[in-house]
Amino acid sequence: MNEYEIQFLENRLEKLIESTSAKDYDIVEFEVGVYKIEEKLIEISRMAYNERVQSRVEKLEKKINKIKKDFDFYDSEAELDMMFPNRYDEGFDEDSMSYDSVFGDD
């Protein structure tokens, strides 16, 4: 069953990629589609029953990561790293990242 699902996801990803060449393609719709494929792939990966399935999953994951990089997908972790470059420091106060801290308490 997993191999059929992987094939379906591969085909879906190809269709999404093809849709980017259309004049009226929607980048948000494209990103959502890729994220949905990625979520399903993670689910399949957890249940991978043999090496061949796992290999196909890894290959598709690499392709998705390349697409995300090429199309400059929004990355919330990268955004937080840019806004709070010292957030991984030992003494960093997590509360300083709160909405109230940044915009003030109303």
N, C-alpha and C. Protein backbone atom coordinates (compact mmCIF):
# COMPACT_ATOMS: atom_id res chain seq x y z
N MET A 1 0.81 -1.20 0.00
CA MET A 1 0.00 0.00 0.00
C MET A 1 0.86 1.27 0.00
N ASN A 2 1.92 1.28 0.77
CA ASN A 2 2.76 2.47 0.87
C ASN A 2 3.38 2.87 -0.46
N GLU A 3 3.74 1.88 -1.27
CA GLU A 3 4.36 2.20 -2.56
C GLU A 3 3.37 2.89 -3.48
N TYR A 4 2.11 2.49 -3.43
CA TYR A 4 1.09 3.16 -4.23
C TYR A 4 0.89 4.59 -3.75
N GLU A 5 0.90 4.77 -2.44
CA GLU A 5 0.75 6.11 -1.89
C GLU A 5 1.92 7.00 -2.29
N ILE A 6 3.12 6.45 -2.25
CA ILE A 6 4.30 7.22 -2.65
C ILE A 6 4.20 7.61 -4.11
N GLN A 7 3.78 6.68 -4.95
CA GLN A 7 3.61 6.98 -6.37
C GLN A 7 2.58 8.09 -6.56
N PHE A 8 1.49 8.03 -5.82
CA PHE A 8 0.47 9.07 -5.89
C PHE A 8 1.05 10.42 -5.49
N LEU A 9 1.85 10.44 -4.41
CA LEU A 9 2.46 11.69 -3.95
C LEU A 9 3.46 12.23 -4.96
N GLU A 10 4.23 11.33 -5.57
CA GLU A 10 5.18 11.76 -6.60
C GLU A 10 4.44 12.40 -7.77
N ASN A 11 3.36 11.78 -8.20
CA ASN A 11 2.56 12.33 -9.30
C ASN A 11 1.95 13.67 -8.92
N ARG A 12 1.45 13.75 -7.71
CA ARG A 12 0.84 15.00 -7.23
C ARG A 12 1.88 16.12 -7.20
N LEU A 13 3.09 15.80 -6.74
CA LEU A 13 4.15 16.79 -6.69
C LEU A 13 4.52 17.27 -8.09
N GLU A 14 4.60 16.36 -9.03
CA GLU A 14 4.90 16.73 -10.42
C GLU A 14 3.83 17.66 -10.98
N LYS A 15 2.57 17.38 -10.68
CA LYS A 15 1.49 18.25 -11.16
C LYS A 15 1.59 19.64 -10.53
N LEU A 16 1.95 19.68 -9.25
CA LEU A 16 2.12 20.98 -8.60
C LEU A 16 3.26 21.76 -9.25
N ILE A 17 4.36 21.08 -9.54
CA ILE A 17 5.49 21.73 -10.18
C ILE A 17 5.09 22.26 -11.56
N GLU A 18 4.36 21.44 -12.30
CA GLU A 18 3.89 21.87 -13.63
C GLU A 18 2.97 23.08 -13.52
N SER A 19 2.21 23.16 -12.45
CA SER A 19 1.27 24.28 -12.29
C SER A 19 1.98 25.61 -12.13
N THR A 20 3.25 25.59 -11.73
CA THR A 20 3.98 26.85 -11.53
C THR A 20 4.28 27.55 -12.85
N SER A 21 4.17 26.84 -13.96
CA SER A 21 4.44 27.47 -15.25
C SER A 21 3.21 28.19 -15.80
N ALA A 22 2.06 27.99 -15.17
CA ALA A 22 0.84 28.67 -15.61
C ALA A 22 0.90 30.15 -15.23
N LYS A 23 0.27 30.97 -16.04
CA LYS A 23 0.26 32.41 -15.79
C LYS A 23 -0.40 32.77 -14.46
N ASP A 24 -1.44 32.06 -14.12
CA ASP A 24 -2.24 32.41 -12.95
C ASP A 24 -2.00 31.50 -11.75
N TYR A 25 -0.80 30.92 -11.65
CA TYR A 25 -0.56 30.00 -10.53
C TYR A 25 -0.46 30.78 -9.23
N ASP A 26 -0.94 30.14 -8.16
CA ASP A 26 -0.99 30.75 -6.84
C ASP A 26 0.09 30.13 -5.97
N ILE A 27 1.06 30.93 -5.55
CA ILE A 27 2.19 30.42 -4.76
C ILE A 27 1.71 29.85 -3.42
N VAL A 28 0.70 30.45 -2.82
CA VAL A 28 0.20 29.95 -1.54
C VAL A 28 -0.42 28.57 -1.72
N GLU A 29 -1.21 28.43 -2.76
CA GLU A 29 -1.82 27.13 -3.06
C GLU A 29 -0.74 26.08 -3.34
N PHE A 30 0.30 26.49 -4.03
CA PHE A 30 1.43 25.61 -4.32
C PHE A 30 2.11 25.17 -3.03
N GLU A 31 2.40 26.13 -2.14
CA GLU A 31 3.06 25.80 -0.88
C GLU A 31 2.20 24.87 -0.03
N VAL A 32 0.92 25.15 0.05
CA VAL A 32 0.01 24.30 0.84
C VAL A 32 0.01 22.88 0.29
N GLY A 33 -0.04 22.75 -1.03
CA GLY A 33 0.00 21.43 -1.66
C GLY A 33 1.26 20.67 -1.33
N VAL A 34 2.40 21.37 -1.39
CA VAL A 34 3.68 20.72 -1.08
C VAL A 34 3.72 20.32 0.40
N TYR A 35 3.24 21.20 1.28
CA TYR A 35 3.22 20.87 2.71
C TYR A 35 2.33 19.66 3.00
N LYS A 36 1.21 19.56 2.31
CA LYS A 36 0.33 18.40 2.51
C LYS A 36 1.01 17.12 2.07
N ILE A 37 1.72 17.18 0.96
CA ILE A 37 2.47 16.01 0.50
C ILE A 37 3.54 15.64 1.52
N GLU A 38 4.21 16.64 2.04
CA GLU A 38 5.26 16.40 3.03
C GLU A 38 4.69 15.75 4.30
N GLU A 39 3.54 16.21 4.76
CA GLU A 39 2.91 15.62 5.94
C GLU A 39 2.57 14.15 5.71
N LYS A 40 1.99 13.86 4.56
CA LYS A 40 1.63 12.48 4.22
C LYS A 40 2.89 11.62 4.13
N LEU A 41 3.94 12.18 3.58
CA LEU A 41 5.19 11.46 3.44
C LEU A 41 5.79 11.10 4.81
N ILE A 42 5.68 12.01 5.75
CA ILE A 42 6.16 11.74 7.11
C ILE A 42 5.38 10.58 7.72
N GLU A 43 4.08 10.60 7.50
CA GLU A 43 3.22 9.51 7.99
C GLU A 43 3.64 8.17 7.38
N ILE A 44 3.87 8.16 6.08
CA ILE A 44 4.29 6.93 5.39
C ILE A 44 5.65 6.48 5.90
N SER A 45 6.54 7.43 6.13
CA SER A 45 7.89 7.11 6.59
C SER A 45 7.86 6.38 7.92
N ARG A 46 6.95 6.76 8.79
CA ARG A 46 6.84 6.11 10.10
C ARG A 46 6.41 4.65 9.98
N MET A 47 5.70 4.35 8.89
CA MET A 47 5.19 2.99 8.70
C MET A 47 5.96 2.22 7.62
N ALA A 48 7.07 2.78 7.16
CA ALA A 48 7.82 2.13 6.08
C ALA A 48 8.23 0.73 6.52
N TYR A 49 7.86 -0.23 5.71
CA TYR A 49 8.07 -1.63 6.09
C TYR A 49 9.27 -2.28 5.42
N ASN A 50 9.87 -1.62 4.45
CA ASN A 50 11.07 -2.19 3.86
C ASN A 50 12.00 -1.08 3.36
N GLU A 51 13.18 -1.49 3.00
CA GLU A 51 14.21 -0.54 2.60
C GLU A 51 13.85 0.19 1.30
N ARG A 52 13.19 -0.49 0.40
CA ARG A 52 12.82 0.13 -0.88
C ARG A 52 11.84 1.28 -0.67
N VAL A 53 10.86 1.06 0.19
CA VAL A 53 9.89 2.11 0.50
C VAL A 53 10.59 3.28 1.17
N GLN A 54 11.44 2.98 2.14
CA GLN A 54 12.16 4.03 2.85
C GLN A 54 13.05 4.82 1.88
N SER A 55 13.66 4.15 0.94
CA SER A 55 14.50 4.81 -0.06
C SER A 55 13.69 5.78 -0.92
N ARG A 56 12.51 5.35 -1.33
CA ARG A 56 11.64 6.22 -2.14
C ARG A 56 11.16 7.43 -1.33
N VAL A 57 10.88 7.19 -0.05
CA VAL A 57 10.46 8.28 0.83
C VAL A 57 11.59 9.31 0.94
N GLU A 58 12.81 8.84 1.18
CA GLU A 58 13.95 9.74 1.32
C GLU A 58 14.19 10.53 0.03
N LYS A 59 14.05 9.87 -1.10
CA LYS A 59 14.25 10.54 -2.39
C LYS A 59 13.22 11.65 -2.57
N LEU A 60 11.97 11.37 -2.23
CA LEU A 60 10.91 12.36 -2.37
C LEU A 60 11.10 13.50 -1.36
N GLU A 61 11.56 13.17 -0.16
CA GLU A 61 11.83 14.20 0.85
C GLU A 61 12.91 15.17 0.36
N LYS A 62 13.95 14.63 -0.26
CA LYS A 62 15.02 15.48 -0.81
C LYS A 62 14.47 16.40 -1.90
N LYS A 63 13.61 15.85 -2.74
CA LYS A 63 13.01 16.65 -3.81
C LYS A 63 12.16 17.78 -3.23
N ILE A 64 11.39 17.47 -2.21
CA ILE A 64 10.55 18.48 -1.56
C ILE A 64 11.42 19.56 -0.92
N ASN A 65 12.48 19.16 -0.25
CA ASN A 65 13.37 20.14 0.38
C ASN A 65 14.00 21.06 -0.66
N LYS A 66 14.35 20.50 -1.81
CA LYS A 66 14.91 21.32 -2.89
C LYS A 66 13.87 22.30 -3.41
N ILE A 67 12.65 21.84 -3.57
CA ILE A 67 11.57 22.71 -4.04
C ILE A 67 11.35 23.84 -3.03
N LYS A 68 11.33 23.50 -1.76
CA LYS A 68 11.11 24.51 -0.73
C LYS A 68 12.22 25.56 -0.76
N LYS A 69 13.43 25.11 -1.02
CA LYS A 69 14.56 26.05 -1.10
C LYS A 69 14.47 26.88 -2.38
N ASP A 70 14.20 26.23 -3.51
CA ASP A 70 14.14 26.93 -4.80
C ASP A 70 13.03 27.97 -4.84
N PHE A 71 11.89 27.65 -4.22
CA PHE A 71 10.75 28.56 -4.25
C PHE A 71 10.71 29.46 -3.02
N ASP A 72 11.74 29.37 -2.19
CA ASP A 72 11.87 30.24 -1.02
C ASP A 72 10.62 30.20 -0.14
N PHE A 73 10.25 28.99 0.27
CA PHE A 73 9.08 28.83 1.15
C PHE A 73 9.32 29.55 2.47
N TYR A 74 8.25 29.99 3.07
CA TYR A 74 8.32 30.62 4.39
C TYR A 74 8.79 29.59 5.41
N ASP A 75 9.77 29.96 6.20
CA ASP A 75 10.32 29.08 7.22
C ASP A 75 10.23 29.80 8.56
N SER A 76 9.29 29.40 9.39
CA SER A 76 9.07 30.09 10.66
C SER A 76 10.30 30.03 11.57
N GLU A 77 11.01 28.92 11.56
CA GLU A 77 12.21 28.80 12.40
C GLU A 77 13.29 29.76 11.92
N ALA A 78 13.48 29.86 10.62
CA ALA A 78 14.47 30.79 10.07
C ALA A 78 14.08 32.23 10.39
N GLU A 79 12.79 32.51 10.33
CA GLU A 79 12.29 33.85 10.65
C GLU A 79 12.57 34.19 12.12
N LEU A 80 12.32 33.24 13.01
CA LEU A 80 12.62 33.46 14.43
C LEU A 80 14.12 33.63 14.66
N ASP A 81 14.93 32.85 13.95
CA ASP A 81 16.39 32.98 14.07
C ASP A 81 16.84 34.37 13.65
N MET A 82 16.20 34.91 12.61
CA MET A 82 16.56 36.24 12.13
C MET A 82 16.13 37.31 13.15
N MET A 83 14.95 37.14 13.71
CA MET A 83 14.43 38.13 14.66
C MET A 83 15.12 38.06 16.02
N PHE A 84 15.50 36.85 16.42
CA PHE A 84 16.11 36.63 17.74
C PHE A 84 17.36 35.76 17.56
N PRO A 85 18.45 36.35 17.05
CA PRO A 85 19.64 35.55 16.74
C PRO A 85 20.26 34.85 17.96
N ASN A 86 19.98 35.35 19.14
CA ASN A 86 20.56 34.75 20.34
C ASN A 86 19.58 33.84 21.08
N ARG A 87 18.53 33.40 20.41
CA ARG A 87 17.49 32.62 21.11
C ARG A 87 17.96 31.25 21.56
N TYR A 88 19.08 30.78 21.08
CA TYR A 88 19.61 29.49 21.51
C TYR A 88 20.67 29.64 22.60
N ASP A 89 20.97 30.88 22.97
CA ASP A 89 21.93 31.11 24.03
C ASP A 89 21.37 30.61 25.35
N GLU A 90 22.26 30.22 26.23
CA GLU A 90 21.86 29.61 27.49
C GLU A 90 20.98 30.52 28.34
N GLY A 91 21.28 31.79 28.42
CA GLY A 91 20.53 32.68 29.29
C GLY A 91 19.39 33.42 28.61
N PHE A 92 19.01 32.99 27.42
CA PHE A 92 17.97 33.71 26.66
C PHE A 92 16.61 33.57 27.34
N ASP A 93 15.91 34.68 27.45
CA ASP A 93 14.59 34.71 28.08
C ASP A 93 13.52 34.47 27.02
N GLU A 94 12.86 33.31 27.06
CA GLU A 94 11.83 32.95 26.08
C GLU A 94 10.68 33.95 26.07
N ASP A 95 10.42 34.57 27.23
CA ASP A 95 9.32 35.54 27.31
C ASP A 95 9.60 36.79 26.48
N SER A 96 10.86 37.03 26.16
CA SER A 96 11.18 38.21 25.36
C SER A 96 10.69 38.05 23.92
N MET A 97 10.27 36.84 23.54
CA MET A 97 9.75 36.60 22.20
C MET A 97 8.22 36.73 22.16
N SER A 98 7.61 37.04 23.27
CA SER A 98 6.14 37.10 23.30
C SER A 98 5.63 38.35 22.61
N TYR A 99 4.39 38.32 22.21
CA TYR A 99 3.73 39.44 21.55
C TYR A 99 3.78 40.69 22.42
N ASP A 100 3.49 40.54 23.71
CA ASP A 100 3.48 41.68 24.62
C ASP A 100 4.86 42.31 24.75
N SER A 101 5.88 41.48 24.74
CA SER A 101 7.24 41.98 24.87
C SER A 101 7.65 42.81 23.65
N VAL A 102 7.24 42.37 22.49
CA VAL A 102 7.63 43.04 21.25
C VAL A 102 6.79 44.29 21.00
N PHE A 103 5.48 44.20 21.21
CA PHE A 103 4.58 45.30 20.87
C PHE A 103 4.07 46.08 22.08
N GLY A 104 4.47 45.70 23.25
CA GLY A 104 4.01 46.39 24.45
C GLY A 104 2.66 45.89 24.91
N ASP A 105 2.40 46.06 26.18
CA ASP A 105 1.15 45.59 26.77
C ASP A 105 0.10 46.69 26.65
N ASP A 106 -1.05 46.36 26.06
CA ASP A 106 -2.11 47.37 25.88
C ASP A 106 -2.91 47.56 27.12
